[in-house]
C-alpha atoms as a PDB file:
ATOM      1  CA  MET A   1      -0.076   0.079  -0.018  1.00  0.00           C
ATOM      2  CA  GLN A   2       1.273   3.472  -0.859  1.00  0.00           C
ATOM      3  CA  GLU A   3       2.306   5.698   2.033  1.00  0.00           C
ATOM      4  CA  ASN A   4       1.196   9.257   2.663  1.00  0.00           C
ATOM      5  CA  ILE A   5      -1.795   9.229   0.322  1.00  0.00           C
ATOM      6  CA  HIS A   6      -4.570   8.729   2.990  1.00  0.00           C
ATOM      7  CA  PRO A   7      -5.894  11.591   5.275  1.00  0.00           C
ATOM      8  CA  VAL A   8      -5.171  11.424   8.849  1.00  0.00           C
ATOM      9  CA  TYR A   9      -7.896   9.544  10.738  1.00  0.00           C
ATOM     10  CA  ARG A  10      -8.169  10.827  14.241  1.00  0.00           C
ATOM     11  CA  ASP A  11     -10.353  11.575  17.301  1.00  0.00           C
ATOM     12  CA  VAL A  12     -12.329  14.916  16.758  1.00  0.00           C
ATOM     13  CA  ILE A  13     -14.651  16.782  18.837  1.00  0.00           C
ATOM     14  CA  PHE A  14     -17.883  18.125  17.171  1.00  0.00           C
ATOM     15  CA  LYS A  15     -19.606  21.075  19.150  1.00  0.00           C
ATOM     16  CA  ASP A  16     -23.154  22.206  18.341  1.00  0.00           C
ATOM     17  CA  LEU A  17     -23.146  26.089  18.499  1.00  0.00           C
ATOM     18  CA  GLN A  18     -26.811  26.298  19.218  1.00  0.00           C
ATOM     19  CA  SER A  19     -27.188  23.919  22.197  1.00  0.00           C
ATOM     20  CA  GLY A  20     -23.460  23.697  23.446  1.00  0.00           C
ATOM     21  CA  PHE A  21     -23.581  19.838  23.046  1.00  0.00           C
ATOM     22  CA  ALA A  22     -20.288  18.285  22.100  1.00  0.00           C
ATOM     23  CA  PHE A  23     -19.344  14.825  21.190  1.00  0.00           C
ATOM     24  CA  MET A  24     -16.264  12.908  20.112  1.00  0.00           C
ATOM     25  CA  THR A  25     -15.856  10.722  17.247  1.00  0.00           C
ATOM     26  CA  ARG A  26     -13.198   9.544  14.678  1.00  0.00           C
ATOM     27  CA  SER A  27     -13.030  11.673  11.513  1.00  0.00           C
ATOM     28  CA  THR A  28     -10.658  12.877   8.657  1.00  0.00           C
ATOM     29  CA  ILE A  29     -12.055  16.582   8.864  1.00  0.00           C
ATOM     30  CA  SER A  30      -9.401  19.181   8.999  1.00  0.00           C
ATOM     31  CA  THR A  31      -9.596  22.005  11.510  1.00  0.00           C
ATOM     32  CA  LYS A  32      -7.276  24.612  13.098  1.00  0.00           C
ATOM     33  CA  GLU A  33      -9.083  24.828  16.447  1.00  0.00           C
ATOM     34  CA  THR A  34      -8.442  22.506  19.547  1.00  0.00           C
ATOM     35  CA  ILE A  35     -10.356  21.955  22.775  1.00  0.00           C
ATOM     36  CA  VAL A  36      -9.543  20.182  26.002  1.00  0.00           C
ATOM     37  CA  TRP A  37     -11.815  17.273  26.286  1.00  0.00           C
ATOM     38  CA  GLU A  38     -13.313  15.643  29.457  1.00  0.00           C
ATOM     39  CA  ASP A  39     -10.296  13.200  29.813  1.00  0.00           C
ATOM     40  CA  GLY A  40      -7.939  16.242  29.995  1.00  0.00           C
ATOM     41  CA  LYS A  41      -6.497  15.660  26.489  1.00  0.00           C
ATOM     42  CA  GLU A  42      -6.405  18.231  23.664  1.00  0.00           C
ATOM     43  CA  TYR A  43      -8.465  17.282  20.517  1.00  0.00           C
ATOM     44  CA  PRO A  44      -9.253  19.100  17.123  1.00  0.00           C
ATOM     45  CA  LEU A  45     -12.577  20.922  17.392  1.00  0.00           C
ATOM     46  CA  PHE A  46     -15.073  21.288  14.607  1.00  0.00           C
ATOM     47  CA  LYS A  47     -18.081  23.691  15.187  1.00  0.00           C
ATOM     48  CA  VAL A  48     -21.370  22.532  13.626  1.00  0.00           C
ATOM     49  CA  GLU A  49     -24.640  24.775  13.331  1.00  0.00           C
ATOM     50  CA  VAL A  50     -27.096  21.831  13.957  1.00  0.00           C
ATOM     51  CA  SER A  51     -26.815  18.480  15.598  1.00  0.00           C
ATOM     52  CA  SER A  52     -29.307  16.014  17.040  1.00  0.00           C
ATOM     53  CA  LYS A  53     -29.617  17.963  20.135  1.00  0.00           C
ATOM     54  CA  SER A  54     -30.705  21.245  18.387  1.00  0.00           C
ATOM     55  CA  HIS A  55     -32.466  20.060  15.230  1.00  0.00           C
ATOM     56  CA  PRO A  56     -36.344  20.392  15.638  1.00  0.00           C
ATOM     57  CA  PHE A  57     -37.020  16.811  14.143  1.00  0.00           C
ATOM     58  CA  TYR A  58     -35.018  15.208  16.837  1.00  0.00           C
ATOM     59  CA  THR A  59     -35.825  17.571  19.696  1.00  0.00           C
ATOM     60  CA  GLY A  60     -39.629  17.245  19.021  1.00  0.00           C
ATOM     61  CA  THR A  61     -40.206  20.837  18.538  1.00  0.00           C
ATOM     62  CA  ASP A  62     -40.984  20.676  14.815  1.00  0.00           C
ATOM     63  CA  LYS A  63     -44.123  22.275  13.731  1.00  0.00           C
ATOM     64  CA  ARG A  64     -46.478  20.373  11.524  1.00  0.00           C
ATOM     65  CA  VAL A  65     -49.043  22.230   9.431  1.00  0.00           C
ATOM     66  CA  ASP A  66     -52.416  20.702   9.932  1.00  0.00           C
ATOM     67  CA  THR A  67     -53.635  20.149   6.292  1.00  0.00           C
ATOM     68  CA  THR A  68     -56.915  18.139   7.173  1.00  0.00           C
ATOM     69  CA  GLY A  69     -59.664  19.621   5.437  1.00  0.00           C
ATOM     70  CA  ARG A  70     -57.976  22.206   3.307  1.00  0.00           C
ATOM     71  CA  VAL A  71     -59.100  20.538  -0.031  1.00  0.00           C
ATOM     72  CA  GLU A  72     -62.547  20.374   1.317  1.00  0.00           C
ATOM     73  CA  LYS A  73     -62.478  24.080   2.502  1.00  0.00           C
ATOM     74  CA  PHE A  74     -61.062  25.155  -0.845  1.00  0.00           C
ATOM     75  CA  MET A  75     -63.905  23.106  -2.754  1.00  0.00           C
ATOM     76  CA  ASN A  76     -66.627  24.696  -0.576  1.00  0.00           C
ATOM     77  CA  LYS A  77     -65.381  28.162  -1.088  1.00  0.00           C
ATOM     78  CA  TYR A  78     -65.162  27.996  -4.845  1.00  0.00           C
ATOM     79  CA  LYS A  79     -67.892  25.487  -5.575  1.00  0.00           C
ATOM     80  CA  ASN A  80     -70.171  28.117  -6.836  1.00  0.00           C
ATOM     81  CA  LEU A  81     -67.563  29.322  -9.541  1.00  0.00           C
ATOM     82  CA  LYS A  82     -68.001  26.096 -11.384  1.00  0.00           C
ATOM     83  CA  LYS A  83     -69.987  26.569 -14.601  1.00  0.00           C
END
């Protein structure tokens, strides 16, 4: 196998900017920032806008539009316009 052609696969901390939630996983992402993790070691930090702790679908705060009866309401409103 050729050497020096693969990206560095290492532990990286991903931090959600909205909720402050952070988790460690392995990744090849490159970043210039670092953070000291719970174990006292310093790891690369990658900041994300949305994670499972802040996304409305996963937190249960998503808003669903009630579409029940919209077609019937439209038909009733415009039924007199039919010729």
